[in-house]
Amino acid sequence: MTKHLADRKRTNEGARLSRYLEIARQDGEEGSHPATKALHSREATRLAGQRIREFTEIERGRTV
């Protein structure tokens, strides 16, 4: 008896990420859209994660 199709391990896990990184390395910043350049150069803030957490709690119905 063989395993069900859903029980088999995927062989292409992480393929999307590796392809994205490959394209990013090839094109670099000079081939990117200006909006993409702005997003990459923008400083990451800790508040962004906090805001996402707060929005998800509101969405779940948890208000303090």
PDB file of N, CA and C in Angstrom:
ATOM      1  N   MET A   1       0.846  -1.179   0.000  1.00  0.00           N
ATOM      2  CA  MET A   1       0.000   0.000   0.000  1.00  0.00           C
ATOM      3  C   MET A   1       0.890   1.240   0.000  1.00  0.00           C
ATOM      4  N   THR A   2       0.624   2.149  -0.883  1.00  0.00           N
ATOM      5  CA  THR A   2       1.446   3.348  -0.994  1.00  0.00           C
ATOM      6  C   THR A   2       0.825   4.485  -0.199  1.00  0.00           C
ATOM      7  N   LYS A   3       1.626   5.482   0.045  1.00  0.00           N
ATOM      8  CA  LYS A   3       1.151   6.651   0.777  1.00  0.00           C
ATOM      9  C   LYS A   3       0.198   7.460  -0.090  1.00  0.00           C
ATOM     10  N   HIS A   4      -0.687   8.169   0.586  1.00  0.00           N
ATOM     11  CA  HIS A   4      -1.594   9.068  -0.107  1.00  0.00           C
ATOM     12  C   HIS A   4      -0.787  10.235  -0.665  1.00  0.00           C
ATOM     13  N   LEU A   5      -1.253  10.838  -1.702  1.00  0.00           N
ATOM     14  CA  LEU A   5      -0.561  11.941  -2.354  1.00  0.00           C
ATOM     15  C   LEU A   5      -0.311  13.092  -1.379  1.00  0.00           C
ATOM     16  N   ALA A   6      -1.246  13.354  -0.474  1.00  0.00           N
ATOM     17  CA  ALA A   6      -1.098  14.446   0.487  1.00  0.00           C
ATOM     18  C   ALA A   6      -0.057  14.121   1.564  1.00  0.00           C
ATOM     19  N   ASP A   7       0.284  12.847   1.744  1.00  0.00           N
ATOM     20  CA  ASP A   7       1.244  12.445   2.767  1.00  0.00           C
ATOM     21  C   ASP A   7       2.693  12.527   2.300  1.00  0.00           C
ATOM     22  N   ARG A   8       2.903  12.827   1.054  1.00  0.00           N
ATOM     23  CA  ARG A   8       4.265  12.872   0.527  1.00  0.00           C
ATOM     24  C   ARG A   8       4.872  14.243   0.707  1.00  0.00           C
ATOM     25  N   LYS A   9       6.146  14.273   0.978  1.00  0.00           N
ATOM     26  CA  LYS A   9       6.849  15.527   1.191  1.00  0.00           C
ATOM     27  C   LYS A   9       7.029  16.254  -0.138  1.00  0.00           C
ATOM     28  N   ARG A  10       6.825  17.545  -0.094  1.00  0.00           N
ATOM     29  CA  ARG A  10       7.040  18.347  -1.293  1.00  0.00           C
ATOM     30  C   ARG A  10       8.536  18.456  -1.569  1.00  0.00           C
ATOM     31  N   THR A  11       8.886  18.429  -2.828  1.00  0.00           N
ATOM     32  CA  THR A  11      10.296  18.534  -3.191  1.00  0.00           C
ATOM     33  C   THR A  11      10.707  19.963  -3.520  1.00  0.00           C
ATOM     34  N   ASN A  12       9.746  20.830  -3.755  1.00  0.00           N
ATOM     35  CA  ASN A  12      10.089  22.182  -4.185  1.00  0.00           C
ATOM     36  C   ASN A  12       9.852  23.224  -3.086  1.00  0.00           C
ATOM     37  N   GLU A  13      10.010  22.839  -1.832  1.00  0.00           N
ATOM     38  CA  GLU A  13       9.823  23.802  -0.751  1.00  0.00           C
ATOM     39  C   GLU A  13      10.901  24.874  -0.844  1.00  0.00           C
ATOM     40  N   GLY A  14      10.487  26.109  -0.745  1.00  0.00           N
ATOM     41  CA  GLY A  14      11.425  27.213  -0.823  1.00  0.00           C
ATOM     42  C   GLY A  14      11.801  27.604  -2.235  1.00  0.00           C
ATOM     43  N   ALA A  15      11.163  27.019  -3.219  1.00  0.00           N
ATOM     44  CA  ALA A  15      11.510  27.315  -4.608  1.00  0.00           C
ATOM     45  C   ALA A  15      11.163  28.756  -4.969  1.00  0.00           C
ATOM     46  N   ARG A  16      10.051  29.245  -4.448  1.00  0.00           N
ATOM     47  CA  ARG A  16       9.661  30.619  -4.765  1.00  0.00           C
ATOM     48  C   ARG A  16      10.665  31.607  -4.209  1.00  0.00           C
ATOM     49  N   LEU A  17      11.060  31.393  -2.966  1.00  0.00           N
ATOM     50  CA  LEU A  17      12.011  32.301  -2.339  1.00  0.00           C
ATOM     51  C   LEU A  17      13.351  32.263  -3.056  1.00  0.00           C
ATOM     52  N   SER A  18      13.832  31.077  -3.377  1.00  0.00           N
ATOM     53  CA  SER A  18      15.124  30.991  -4.055  1.00  0.00           C
ATOM     54  C   SER A  18      15.069  31.646  -5.430  1.00  0.00           C
ATOM     55  N   ARG A  19      13.951  31.501  -6.135  1.00  0.00           N
ATOM     56  CA  ARG A  19      13.810  32.142  -7.452  1.00  0.00           C
ATOM     57  C   ARG A  19      13.763  33.669  -7.298  1.00  0.00           C
ATOM     58  N   TYR A  20      13.049  34.163  -6.283  1.00  0.00           N
ATOM     59  CA  TYR A  20      12.983  35.594  -6.029  1.00  0.00           C
ATOM     60  C   TYR A  20      14.376  36.141  -5.740  1.00  0.00           C
ATOM     61  N   LEU A  21      15.128  35.463  -4.912  1.00  0.00           N
ATOM     62  CA  LEU A  21      16.476  35.922  -4.577  1.00  0.00           C
ATOM     63  C   LEU A  21      17.396  35.882  -5.792  1.00  0.00           C
ATOM     64  N   GLU A  22      17.220  34.882  -6.626  1.00  0.00           N
ATOM     65  CA  GLU A  22      18.021  34.794  -7.849  1.00  0.00           C
ATOM     66  C   GLU A  22      17.746  35.982  -8.764  1.00  0.00           C
ATOM     67  N   ILE A  23      16.487  36.328  -8.928  1.00  0.00           N
ATOM     68  CA  ILE A  23      16.131  37.475  -9.763  1.00  0.00           C
ATOM     69  C   ILE A  23      16.655  38.766  -9.152  1.00  0.00           C
ATOM     70  N   ALA A  24      16.546  38.896  -7.838  1.00  0.00           N
ATOM     71  CA  ALA A  24      17.031  40.097  -7.164  1.00  0.00           C
ATOM     72  C   ALA A  24      18.538  40.254  -7.337  1.00  0.00           C
ATOM     73  N   ARG A  25      19.268  39.151  -7.295  1.00  0.00           N
ATOM     74  CA  ARG A  25      20.723  39.216  -7.481  1.00  0.00           C
ATOM     75  C   ARG A  25      21.081  39.586  -8.915  1.00  0.00           C
ATOM     76  N   GLN A  26      20.328  39.076  -9.874  1.00  0.00           N
ATOM     77  CA  GLN A  26      20.623  39.349 -11.276  1.00  0.00           C
ATOM     78  C   GLN A  26      20.341  40.803 -11.629  1.00  0.00           C
ATOM     79  N   ASP A  27      19.166  41.265 -11.283  1.00  0.00           N
ATOM     80  CA  ASP A  27      18.757  42.614 -11.681  1.00  0.00           C
ATOM     81  C   ASP A  27      19.385  43.682 -10.802  1.00  0.00           C
ATOM     82  N   GLY A  28      19.491  43.406  -9.540  1.00  0.00           N
ATOM     83  CA  GLY A  28      20.040  44.392  -8.628  1.00  0.00           C
ATOM     84  C   GLY A  28      19.130  45.596  -8.518  1.00  0.00           C
ATOM     85  N   GLU A  29      19.641  46.666  -7.983  1.00  0.00           N
ATOM     86  CA  GLU A  29      18.821  47.852  -7.771  1.00  0.00           C
ATOM     87  C   GLU A  29      18.628  48.655  -9.042  1.00  0.00           C
ATOM     88  N   GLU A  30      19.555  48.568  -9.982  1.00  0.00           N
ATOM     89  CA  GLU A  30      19.439  49.397 -11.170  1.00  0.00           C
ATOM     90  C   GLU A  30      18.274  48.988 -12.054  1.00  0.00           C
ATOM     91  N   GLY A  31      17.831  47.731 -11.970  1.00  0.00           N
ATOM     92  CA  GLY A  31      16.719  47.288 -12.806  1.00  0.00           C
ATOM     93  C   GLY A  31      15.387  47.324 -12.091  1.00  0.00           C
ATOM     94  N   SER A  32      15.371  47.782 -10.866  1.00  0.00           N
ATOM     95  CA  SER A  32      14.149  47.763 -10.080  1.00  0.00           C
ATOM     96  C   SER A  32      13.282  48.991 -10.347  1.00  0.00           C
ATOM     97  N   HIS A  33      12.020  48.838 -10.061  1.00  0.00           N
ATOM     98  CA  HIS A  33      11.067  49.943 -10.152  1.00  0.00           C
ATOM     99  C   HIS A  33      11.375  50.927  -9.022  1.00  0.00           C
ATOM    100  N   PRO A  34      11.178  52.228  -9.231  1.00  0.00           N
ATOM    101  CA  PRO A  34      11.476  53.210  -8.183  1.00  0.00           C
ATOM    102  C   PRO A  34      10.743  52.953  -6.864  1.00  0.00           C
ATOM    103  N   ALA A  35       9.510  52.449  -6.945  1.00  0.00           N
ATOM    104  CA  ALA A  35       8.767  52.153  -5.717  1.00  0.00           C
ATOM    105  C   ALA A  35       9.428  51.015  -4.948  1.00  0.00           C
ATOM    106  N   THR A  36       9.950  50.042  -5.667  1.00  0.00           N
ATOM    107  CA  THR A  36      10.634  48.926  -5.024  1.00  0.00           C
ATOM    108  C   THR A  36      11.919  49.399  -4.369  1.00  0.00           C
ATOM    109  N   LYS A  37      12.645  50.265  -5.042  1.00  0.00           N
ATOM    110  CA  LYS A  37      13.863  50.822  -4.457  1.00  0.00           C
ATOM    111  C   LYS A  37      13.560  51.560  -3.166  1.00  0.00           C
ATOM    112  N   ALA A  38      12.478  52.331  -3.175  1.00  0.00           N
ATOM    113  CA  ALA A  38      12.101  53.093  -1.982  1.00  0.00           C
ATOM    114  C   ALA A  38      11.751  52.165  -0.828  1.00  0.00           C
ATOM    115  N   LEU A  39      11.048  51.079  -1.113  1.00  0.00           N
ATOM    116  CA  LEU A  39      10.699  50.135  -0.055  1.00  0.00           C
ATOM    117  C   LEU A  39      11.928  49.437   0.515  1.00  0.00           C
ATOM    118  N   HIS A  40      12.864  49.079  -0.350  1.00  0.00           N
ATOM    119  CA  HIS A  40      14.079  48.407   0.122  1.00  0.00           C
ATOM    120  C   HIS A  40      14.971  49.339   0.928  1.00  0.00           C
ATOM    121  N   SER A  41      14.958  50.610   0.582  1.00  0.00           N
ATOM    122  CA  SER A  41      15.837  51.540   1.282  1.00  0.00           C
ATOM    123  C   SER A  41      15.194  52.093   2.549  1.00  0.00           C
ATOM    124  N   ARG A  42      13.891  51.889   2.709  1.00  0.00           N
ATOM    125  CA  ARG A  42      13.194  52.398   3.893  1.00  0.00           C
ATOM    126  C   ARG A  42      13.632  51.624   5.132  1.00  0.00           C
ATOM    127  N   GLU A  43      13.844  52.346   6.200  1.00  0.00           N
ATOM    128  CA  GLU A  43      14.291  51.725   7.437  1.00  0.00           C
ATOM    129  C   GLU A  43      13.142  50.936   8.065  1.00  0.00           C
ATOM    130  N   ALA A  44      13.437  49.732   8.477  1.00  0.00           N
ATOM    131  CA  ALA A  44      12.430  48.904   9.138  1.00  0.00           C
ATOM    132  C   ALA A  44      12.257  49.384  10.569  1.00  0.00           C
ATOM    133  N   THR A  45      11.029  49.516  10.970  1.00  0.00           N
ATOM    134  CA  THR A  45      10.757  49.974  12.325  1.00  0.00           C
ATOM    135  C   THR A  45      10.123  48.857  13.132  1.00  0.00           C
ATOM    136  N   ARG A  46      10.281  48.916  14.413  1.00  0.00           N
ATOM    137  CA  ARG A  46       9.670  47.928  15.286  1.00  0.00           C
ATOM    138  C   ARG A  46       8.177  48.175  15.401  1.00  0.00           C
ATOM    139  N   LEU A  47       7.759  49.408  15.120  1.00  0.00           N
ATOM    140  CA  LEU A  47       6.349  49.742  15.241  1.00  0.00           C
ATOM    141  C   LEU A  47       5.500  49.036  14.199  1.00  0.00           C
ATOM    142  N   ALA A  48       6.085  48.716  13.065  1.00  0.00           N
ATOM    143  CA  ALA A  48       5.321  48.056  12.012  1.00  0.00           C
ATOM    144  C   ALA A  48       4.793  46.713  12.505  1.00  0.00           C
ATOM    145  N   GLY A  49       5.615  45.935  13.165  1.00  0.00           N
ATOM    146  CA  GLY A  49       5.178  44.654  13.706  1.00  0.00           C
ATOM    147  C   GLY A  49       4.145  44.820  14.793  1.00  0.00           C
ATOM    148  N   GLN A  50       4.309  45.842  15.600  1.00  0.00           N
ATOM    149  CA  GLN A  50       3.362  46.107  16.669  1.00  0.00           C
ATOM    150  C   GLN A  50       2.000  46.498  16.087  1.00  0.00           C
ATOM    151  N   ARG A  51       2.004  47.316  15.056  1.00  0.00           N
ATOM    152  CA  ARG A  51       0.743  47.727  14.427  1.00  0.00           C
ATOM    153  C   ARG A  51       0.031  46.537  13.809  1.00  0.00           C
ATOM    154  N   ILE A  52       0.781  45.659  13.170  1.00  0.00           N
ATOM    155  CA  ILE A  52       0.175  44.470  12.570  1.00  0.00           C
ATOM    156  C   ILE A  52      -0.456  43.612  13.656  1.00  0.00           C
ATOM    157  N   ARG A  53       0.254  43.445  14.762  1.00  0.00           N
ATOM    158  CA  ARG A  53      -0.263  42.657  15.874  1.00  0.00           C
ATOM    159  C   ARG A  53      -1.562  43.271  16.407  1.00  0.00           C
ATOM    160  N   GLU A  54      -1.595  44.594  16.538  1.00  0.00           N
ATOM    161  CA  GLU A  54      -2.796  45.263  17.028  1.00  0.00           C
ATOM    162  C   GLU A  54      -3.969  45.110  16.053  1.00  0.00           C
ATOM    163  N   PHE A  55      -3.702  45.242  14.767  1.00  0.00           N
ATOM    164  CA  PHE A  55      -4.765  45.077  13.784  1.00  0.00           C
ATOM    165  C   PHE A  55      -5.314  43.659  13.780  1.00  0.00           C
ATOM    166  N   THR A  56      -4.446  42.667  13.931  1.00  0.00           N
ATOM    167  CA  THR A  56      -4.934  41.288  13.959  1.00  0.00           C
ATOM    168  C   THR A  56      -5.760  41.020  15.200  1.00  0.00           C
ATOM    169  N   GLU A  57      -5.393  41.620  16.321  1.00  0.00           N
ATOM    170  CA  GLU A  57      -6.194  41.440  17.527  1.00  0.00           C
ATOM    171  C   GLU A  57      -7.568  42.084  17.369  1.00  0.00           C
ATOM    172  N   ILE A  58      -7.621  43.242  16.733  1.00  0.00           N
ATOM    173  CA  ILE A  58      -8.919  43.876  16.479  1.00  0.00           C
ATOM    174  C   ILE A  58      -9.755  43.005  15.559  1.00  0.00           C
ATOM    175  N   GLU A  59      -9.110  42.445  14.528  1.00  0.00           N
ATOM    176  CA  GLU A  59      -9.806  41.592  13.580  1.00  0.00           C
ATOM    177  C   GLU A  59     -10.365  40.351  14.281  1.00  0.00           C
ATOM    178  N   ARG A  60      -9.649  39.837  15.247  1.00  0.00           N
ATOM    179  CA  ARG A  60     -10.104  38.658  15.995  1.00  0.00           C
ATOM    180  C   ARG A  60     -11.161  38.999  17.033  1.00  0.00           C
ATOM    181  N   GLY A  61     -11.396  40.280  17.235  1.00  0.00           N
ATOM    182  CA  GLY A  61     -12.425  40.691  18.176  1.00  0.00           C
ATOM    183  C   GLY A  61     -11.909  40.974  19.572  1.00  0.00           C
ATOM    184  N   ARG A  62     -10.608  41.007  19.745  1.00  0.00           N
ATOM    185  CA  ARG A  62     -10.023  41.279  21.051  1.00  0.00           C
ATOM    186  C   ARG A  62      -9.694  42.760  21.151  1.00  0.00           C
ATOM    187  N   THR A  63     -10.436  43.447  21.980  1.00  0.00           N
ATOM    188  CA  THR A  63     -10.132  44.851  22.216  1.00  0.00           C
ATOM    189  C   THR A  63      -9.890  45.045  23.703  1.00  0.00           C
ATOM    190  N   VAL A  64      -8.905  45.839  24.024  1.00  0.00           N
ATOM    191  CA  VAL A  64      -8.551  46.052  25.433  1.00  0.00           C
ATOM    192  C   VAL A  64      -8.949  47.433  25.864  1.00  0.00           C
TER     193      VAL A  64
END
